[in-house]
Amino acid sequence: MANLVLACLLFLVAALANTPVCAAQGDTLAFYGFVPLQNTAFERLTWYESAEAQMGTMRSLLFVFGSAVVVWPLGAIIHRLRKRTREPHPAWRRALWVGWVVSALNLVFLLVVLLSFGEELAFGVSLLIRVILVIPIVTTILSLVVLALTFIAWVRRQGALVGRLHYSLIALAAVLFTLFAGYWNTLGWRF
């Protein structure tokens, strides 16, 4: 009861003075006052929970997946226009196709999630979000396939060195996307 009275008094002081008031008890630190952001938590975050780390991860994933979605088809078009006689190994072509599908699906998911933030999420989860939550599940499974194909490509030396490095970057981004989706609770329908 004493804590409740103290909290009410601190809130009244903060309201009258229009300044934040801080109270500490043990390991708990509480702020009472006017905070310009709603739903703000005052607790220490680990490095990967910071806004900078999360936005950096999002930007990196968008860049890597976007590079695969744009560069690989352009490379195929240029390859056909030059009429090269040496065709890539069929296993390498399948690996590129699987990597492209994972990249395209993850890119679509990230863009839909970015563009759907706003008022509509305040009123519940829309049908589009419910449908789009299939993508992280599918790409998590396909990420394991991409990892295996990356290993095979390096062992058998399929594709050019630059292509294998880019494919390895896509595999790493696919694993990072799975961790990212798990952190944000978008790996399935847990809402």
C-alpha atoms as a PDB file:
ATOM      1  CA  MET A   1       0.000   0.000   0.000  1.00  0.00           C
ATOM      2  CA  ALA A   2       2.868   2.364   0.806  1.00  0.00           C
ATOM      3  CA  ASN A   3       4.324   1.830  -2.693  1.00  0.00           C
ATOM      4  CA  LEU A   4       0.996   2.744  -4.258  1.00  0.00           C
ATOM      5  CA  VAL A   5       0.773   5.937  -2.203  1.00  0.00           C
ATOM      6  CA  LEU A   6       4.383   6.800  -3.115  1.00  0.00           C
ATOM      7  CA  ALA A   7       3.658   6.163  -6.786  1.00  0.00           C
ATOM      8  CA  CYS A   8       0.576   8.388  -6.700  1.00  0.00           C
ATOM      9  CA  LEU A   9       2.479  11.183  -4.944  1.00  0.00           C
ATOM     10  CA  LEU A  10       5.352  10.967  -7.425  1.00  0.00           C
ATOM     11  CA  PHE A  11       2.914  11.073 -10.316  1.00  0.00           C
ATOM     12  CA  LEU A  12       1.197  14.168  -8.857  1.00  0.00           C
ATOM     13  CA  VAL A  13       4.565  15.877  -8.342  1.00  0.00           C
ATOM     14  CA  ALA A  14       5.524  15.059 -11.922  1.00  0.00           C
ATOM     15  CA  ALA A  15       2.190  16.314 -13.210  1.00  0.00           C
ATOM     16  CA  LEU A  16       2.433  19.600 -11.297  1.00  0.00           C
ATOM     17  CA  ALA A  17       6.082  20.229 -12.135  1.00  0.00           C
ATOM     18  CA  ASN A  18       5.754  18.867 -15.682  1.00  0.00           C
ATOM     19  CA  THR A  19       9.055  17.054 -15.203  1.00  0.00           C
ATOM     20  CA  PRO A  20       9.845  13.368 -14.966  1.00  0.00           C
ATOM     21  CA  VAL A  21      10.385  11.924 -11.509  1.00  0.00           C
ATOM     22  CA  CYS A  22      12.472   8.833 -10.887  1.00  0.00           C
ATOM     23  CA  ALA A  23      12.073   6.304  -8.084  1.00  0.00           C
ATOM     24  CA  ALA A  24      14.304   3.328  -7.399  1.00  0.00           C
ATOM     25  CA  GLN A  25      13.697   0.272  -5.273  1.00  0.00           C
ATOM     26  CA  GLY A  26      16.261  -2.507  -5.453  1.00  0.00           C
ATOM     27  CA  ASP A  27      16.898  -3.362  -9.104  1.00  0.00           C
ATOM     28  CA  THR A  28      13.688  -1.724 -10.248  1.00  0.00           C
ATOM     29  CA  LEU A  29      13.806   1.778 -11.624  1.00  0.00           C
ATOM     30  CA  ALA A  30      10.497   3.493 -12.273  1.00  0.00           C
ATOM     31  CA  PHE A  31       9.853   6.772 -14.053  1.00  0.00           C
ATOM     32  CA  TYR A  32       6.754   8.778 -13.435  1.00  0.00           C
ATOM     33  CA  GLY A  33       5.994  11.733 -15.604  1.00  0.00           C
ATOM     34  CA  PHE A  34       5.153  12.753 -19.088  1.00  0.00           C
ATOM     35  CA  VAL A  35       6.875  10.755 -21.779  1.00  0.00           C
ATOM     36  CA  PRO A  36       6.269  11.815 -25.385  1.00  0.00           C
ATOM     37  CA  LEU A  37       6.213   8.201 -26.612  1.00  0.00           C
ATOM     38  CA  GLN A  38       3.464   5.771 -25.810  1.00  0.00           C
ATOM     39  CA  ASN A  39       4.283   2.254 -24.642  1.00  0.00           C
ATOM     40  CA  THR A  40       7.812   3.208 -23.643  1.00  0.00           C
ATOM     41  CA  ALA A  41       9.680   0.771 -21.429  1.00  0.00           C
ATOM     42  CA  PHE A  42      12.504   1.924 -19.203  1.00  0.00           C
ATOM     43  CA  GLU A  43      14.665  -1.124 -18.866  1.00  0.00           C
ATOM     44  CA  ARG A  44      18.136  -1.922 -20.056  1.00  0.00           C
ATOM     45  CA  LEU A  45      18.186  -3.600 -23.458  1.00  0.00           C
ATOM     46  CA  THR A  46      20.794  -5.989 -24.746  1.00  0.00           C
ATOM     47  CA  TRP A  47      22.769  -4.833 -27.788  1.00  0.00           C
ATOM     48  CA  TYR A  48      20.650  -6.764 -30.304  1.00  0.00           C
ATOM     49  CA  GLU A  49      17.413  -5.321 -28.920  1.00  0.00           C
ATOM     50  CA  SER A  50      18.366  -1.707 -29.569  1.00  0.00           C
ATOM     51  CA  ALA A  51      16.592   0.201 -32.311  1.00  0.00           C
ATOM     52  CA  GLU A  52      19.869   0.753 -34.145  1.00  0.00           C
ATOM     53  CA  ALA A  53      20.653  -2.980 -34.247  1.00  0.00           C
ATOM     54  CA  GLN A  54      17.127  -3.913 -35.321  1.00  0.00           C
ATOM     55  CA  MET A  55      16.950  -1.275 -38.054  1.00  0.00           C
ATOM     56  CA  GLY A  56      20.474  -2.134 -39.199  1.00  0.00           C
ATOM     57  CA  THR A  57      19.489  -5.774 -39.450  1.00  0.00           C
ATOM     58  CA  MET A  58      16.355  -4.860 -41.395  1.00  0.00           C
ATOM     59  CA  ARG A  59      18.325  -2.657 -43.817  1.00  0.00           C
ATOM     60  CA  SER A  60      20.984  -5.323 -44.311  1.00  0.00           C
ATOM     61  CA  LEU A  61      18.406  -8.024 -45.006  1.00  0.00           C
ATOM     62  CA  LEU A  62      16.575  -5.787 -47.473  1.00  0.00           C
ATOM     63  CA  PHE A  63      19.838  -5.001 -49.275  1.00  0.00           C
ATOM     64  CA  VAL A  64      21.090  -8.604 -49.464  1.00  0.00           C
ATOM     65  CA  PHE A  65      17.762 -10.112 -50.514  1.00  0.00           C
ATOM     66  CA  GLY A  66      17.187  -7.262 -52.965  1.00  0.00           C
ATOM     67  CA  SER A  67      20.592  -7.847 -54.503  1.00  0.00           C
ATOM     68  CA  ALA A  68      19.774 -11.494 -55.160  1.00  0.00           C
ATOM     69  CA  VAL A  69      16.341 -10.705 -56.567  1.00  0.00           C
ATOM     70  CA  VAL A  70      17.762  -8.095 -58.970  1.00  0.00           C
ATOM     71  CA  VAL A  71      21.321  -9.260 -59.756  1.00  0.00           C
ATOM     72  CA  TRP A  72      20.710 -12.941 -60.493  1.00  0.00           C
ATOM     73  CA  PRO A  73      18.012 -12.400 -63.139  1.00  0.00           C
ATOM     74  CA  LEU A  74      20.111  -9.633 -64.717  1.00  0.00           C
ATOM     75  CA  GLY A  75      23.089 -11.996 -64.797  1.00  0.00           C
ATOM     76  CA  ALA A  76      20.981 -14.633 -66.535  1.00  0.00           C
ATOM     77  CA  ILE A  77      19.757 -12.122 -69.112  1.00  0.00           C
ATOM     78  CA  ILE A  78      23.292 -10.884 -69.787  1.00  0.00           C
ATOM     79  CA  HIS A  79      24.489 -14.485 -70.040  1.00  0.00           C
ATOM     80  CA  ARG A  80      21.873 -15.240 -72.702  1.00  0.00           C
ATOM     81  CA  LEU A  81      22.514 -12.035 -74.631  1.00  0.00           C
ATOM     82  CA  ARG A  82      26.222 -12.772 -74.824  1.00  0.00           C
ATOM     83  CA  LYS A  83      25.396 -16.293 -76.000  1.00  0.00           C
ATOM     84  CA  ARG A  84      28.018 -17.940 -73.887  1.00  0.00           C
ATOM     85  CA  THR A  85      28.655 -21.531 -74.844  1.00  0.00           C
ATOM     86  CA  ARG A  86      29.480 -22.710 -71.326  1.00  0.00           C
ATOM     87  CA  GLU A  87      26.317 -23.355 -69.368  1.00  0.00           C
ATOM     88  CA  PRO A  88      26.430 -23.427 -65.561  1.00  0.00           C
ATOM     89  CA  HIS A  89      26.176 -26.778 -63.835  1.00  0.00           C
ATOM     90  CA  PRO A  90      22.508 -27.860 -63.421  1.00  0.00           C
ATOM     91  CA  ALA A  91      22.956 -28.287 -59.662  1.00  0.00           C
ATOM     92  CA  TRP A  92      24.315 -24.728 -59.426  1.00  0.00           C
ATOM     93  CA  ARG A  93      21.355 -23.424 -61.416  1.00  0.00           C
ATOM     94  CA  ARG A  94      18.944 -25.173 -59.038  1.00  0.00           C
ATOM     95  CA  ALA A  95      20.837 -23.754 -56.069  1.00  0.00           C
ATOM     96  CA  LEU A  96      20.549 -20.249 -57.508  1.00  0.00           C
ATOM     97  CA  TRP A  97      16.855 -20.777 -58.110  1.00  0.00           C
ATOM     98  CA  VAL A  98      16.251 -21.884 -54.491  1.00  0.00           C
ATOM     99  CA  GLY A  99      18.303 -18.950 -53.203  1.00  0.00           C
ATOM    100  CA  TRP A 100      16.358 -16.557 -55.409  1.00  0.00           C
ATOM    101  CA  VAL A 101      13.011 -17.908 -54.146  1.00  0.00           C
ATOM    102  CA  VAL A 102      14.115 -17.552 -50.507  1.00  0.00           C
ATOM    103  CA  SER A 103      15.356 -14.023 -51.186  1.00  0.00           C
ATOM    104  CA  ALA A 104      12.195 -12.986 -53.031  1.00  0.00           C
ATOM    105  CA  LEU A 105       9.866 -14.387 -50.365  1.00  0.00           C
ATOM    106  CA  ASN A 106      11.827 -12.778 -47.528  1.00  0.00           C
ATOM    107  CA  LEU A 107      11.947  -9.473 -49.392  1.00  0.00           C
ATOM    108  CA  VAL A 108       8.176  -9.546 -49.925  1.00  0.00           C
ATOM    109  CA  PHE A 109       7.635 -10.348 -46.237  1.00  0.00           C
ATOM    110  CA  LEU A 110       9.877  -7.521 -45.031  1.00  0.00           C
ATOM    111  CA  LEU A 111       8.282  -4.996 -47.379  1.00  0.00           C
ATOM    112  CA  VAL A 112       4.728  -6.006 -46.440  1.00  0.00           C
ATOM    113  CA  VAL A 113       5.559  -5.802 -42.740  1.00  0.00           C
ATOM    114  CA  LEU A 114       7.216  -2.397 -43.201  1.00  0.00           C
ATOM    115  CA  LEU A 115       4.307  -1.033 -45.203  1.00  0.00           C
ATOM    116  CA  SER A 116       1.588  -2.464 -42.934  1.00  0.00           C
ATOM    117  CA  PHE A 117       2.663  -0.683 -39.771  1.00  0.00           C
ATOM    118  CA  GLY A 118       0.137   1.885 -38.726  1.00  0.00           C
ATOM    119  CA  GLU A 119      -3.455   2.224 -37.772  1.00  0.00           C
ATOM    120  CA  GLU A 120      -4.666  -1.135 -39.097  1.00  0.00           C
ATOM    121  CA  LEU A 121      -2.496  -3.087 -36.613  1.00  0.00           C
ATOM    122  CA  ALA A 122      -4.108  -1.183 -33.749  1.00  0.00           C
ATOM    123  CA  PHE A 123      -7.406  -2.847 -34.603  1.00  0.00           C
ATOM    124  CA  GLY A 124      -6.110  -6.402 -34.797  1.00  0.00           C
ATOM    125  CA  VAL A 125      -4.216  -8.544 -37.245  1.00  0.00           C
ATOM    126  CA  SER A 126      -5.449  -8.169 -40.812  1.00  0.00           C
ATOM    127  CA  LEU A 127      -5.989 -11.041 -43.234  1.00  0.00           C
ATOM    128  CA  LEU A 128      -2.957  -9.943 -45.247  1.00  0.00           C
ATOM    129  CA  ILE A 129      -0.703 -10.266 -42.198  1.00  0.00           C
ATOM    130  CA  ARG A 130      -2.199 -13.660 -41.333  1.00  0.00           C
ATOM    131  CA  VAL A 131      -1.464 -14.901 -44.867  1.00  0.00           C
ATOM    132  CA  ILE A 132       1.979 -13.337 -45.052  1.00  0.00           C
ATOM    133  CA  LEU A 133       3.035 -15.120 -41.833  1.00  0.00           C
ATOM    134  CA  VAL A 134       3.353 -18.296 -43.907  1.00  0.00           C
ATOM    135  CA  ILE A 135       6.484 -16.883 -45.558  1.00  0.00           C
ATOM    136  CA  PRO A 136       8.858 -17.085 -42.552  1.00  0.00           C
ATOM    137  CA  ILE A 137       7.883 -20.709 -41.961  1.00  0.00           C
ATOM    138  CA  VAL A 138       8.498 -21.654 -45.603  1.00  0.00           C
ATOM    139  CA  THR A 139      11.751 -19.715 -45.826  1.00  0.00           C
ATOM    140  CA  THR A 140      13.042 -21.191 -42.569  1.00  0.00           C
ATOM    141  CA  ILE A 141      12.736 -24.651 -44.100  1.00  0.00           C
ATOM    142  CA  LEU A 142      14.210 -23.449 -47.392  1.00  0.00           C
ATOM    143  CA  SER A 143      17.085 -21.805 -45.479  1.00  0.00           C
ATOM    144  CA  LEU A 144      18.251 -25.248 -44.428  1.00  0.00           C
ATOM    145  CA  VAL A 145      18.201 -26.270 -48.088  1.00  0.00           C
ATOM    146  CA  VAL A 146      20.165 -23.131 -49.035  1.00  0.00           C
ATOM    147  CA  LEU A 147      22.755 -23.892 -46.351  1.00  0.00           C
ATOM    148  CA  ALA A 148      23.183 -27.433 -47.658  1.00  0.00           C
ATOM    149  CA  LEU A 149      23.442 -26.187 -51.247  1.00  0.00           C
ATOM    150  CA  THR A 150      26.022 -23.612 -50.168  1.00  0.00           C
ATOM    151  CA  PHE A 151      28.163 -26.327 -48.627  1.00  0.00           C
ATOM    152  CA  ILE A 152      27.833 -28.495 -51.753  1.00  0.00           C
ATOM    153  CA  ALA A 153      28.699 -25.552 -54.026  1.00  0.00           C
ATOM    154  CA  TRP A 154      31.906 -24.885 -52.096  1.00  0.00           C
ATOM    155  CA  VAL A 155      32.935 -28.538 -51.944  1.00  0.00           C
ATOM    156  CA  ARG A 156      32.289 -29.145 -55.654  1.00  0.00           C
ATOM    157  CA  ARG A 157      33.460 -25.649 -56.702  1.00  0.00           C
ATOM    158  CA  GLN A 158      30.252 -24.948 -58.600  1.00  0.00           C
ATOM    159  CA  GLY A 159      29.880 -21.481 -60.071  1.00  0.00           C
ATOM    160  CA  ALA A 160      32.418 -18.682 -59.976  1.00  0.00           C
ATOM    161  CA  LEU A 161      34.096 -17.591 -56.745  1.00  0.00           C
ATOM    162  CA  VAL A 162      32.127 -14.330 -56.665  1.00  0.00           C
ATOM    163  CA  GLY A 163      28.890 -16.255 -57.221  1.00  0.00           C
ATOM    164  CA  ARG A 164      29.657 -18.650 -54.371  1.00  0.00           C
ATOM    165  CA  LEU A 165      30.532 -15.742 -52.066  1.00  0.00           C
ATOM    166  CA  HIS A 166      27.265 -13.990 -52.927  1.00  0.00           C
ATOM    167  CA  TYR A 167      25.339 -17.232 -52.458  1.00  0.00           C
ATOM    168  CA  SER A 168      27.022 -17.704 -49.061  1.00  0.00           C
ATOM    169  CA  LEU A 169      25.943 -14.173 -48.132  1.00  0.00           C
ATOM    170  CA  ILE A 170      22.366 -15.069 -49.112  1.00  0.00           C
ATOM    171  CA  ALA A 171      22.563 -18.219 -46.948  1.00  0.00           C
ATOM    172  CA  LEU A 172      23.839 -16.176 -44.006  1.00  0.00           C
ATOM    173  CA  ALA A 173      21.075 -13.601 -44.527  1.00  0.00           C
ATOM    174  CA  ALA A 174      18.463 -16.374 -44.674  1.00  0.00           C
ATOM    175  CA  VAL A 175      19.612 -17.697 -41.293  1.00  0.00           C
ATOM    176  CA  LEU A 176      19.693 -14.149 -39.894  1.00  0.00           C
ATOM    177  CA  PHE A 177      16.164 -13.600 -41.220  1.00  0.00           C
ATOM    178  CA  THR A 178      14.977 -16.697 -39.343  1.00  0.00           C
ATOM    179  CA  LEU A 179      16.486 -15.353 -36.113  1.00  0.00           C
ATOM    180  CA  PHE A 180      15.022 -11.908 -36.844  1.00  0.00           C
ATOM    181  CA  ALA A 181      11.547 -13.358 -37.462  1.00  0.00           C
ATOM    182  CA  GLY A 182      11.805 -15.439 -34.296  1.00  0.00           C
ATOM    183  CA  TYR A 183      12.783 -12.393 -32.234  1.00  0.00           C
ATOM    184  CA  TRP A 184       9.825 -10.390 -33.531  1.00  0.00           C
ATOM    185  CA  ASN A 185       7.465 -13.322 -32.976  1.00  0.00           C
ATOM    186  CA  THR A 186       6.541 -13.518 -36.667  1.00  0.00           C
ATOM    187  CA  LEU A 187       7.618 -17.104 -37.113  1.00  0.00           C
ATOM    188  CA  GLY A 188       4.116 -18.537 -37.222  1.00  0.00           C
ATOM    189  CA  TRP A 189       0.789 -17.342 -35.887  1.00  0.00           C
ATOM    190  CA  ARG A 190       1.625 -16.550 -32.268  1.00  0.00           C
ATOM    191  CA  PHE A 191      -0.579 -13.542 -31.551  1.00  0.00           C
END
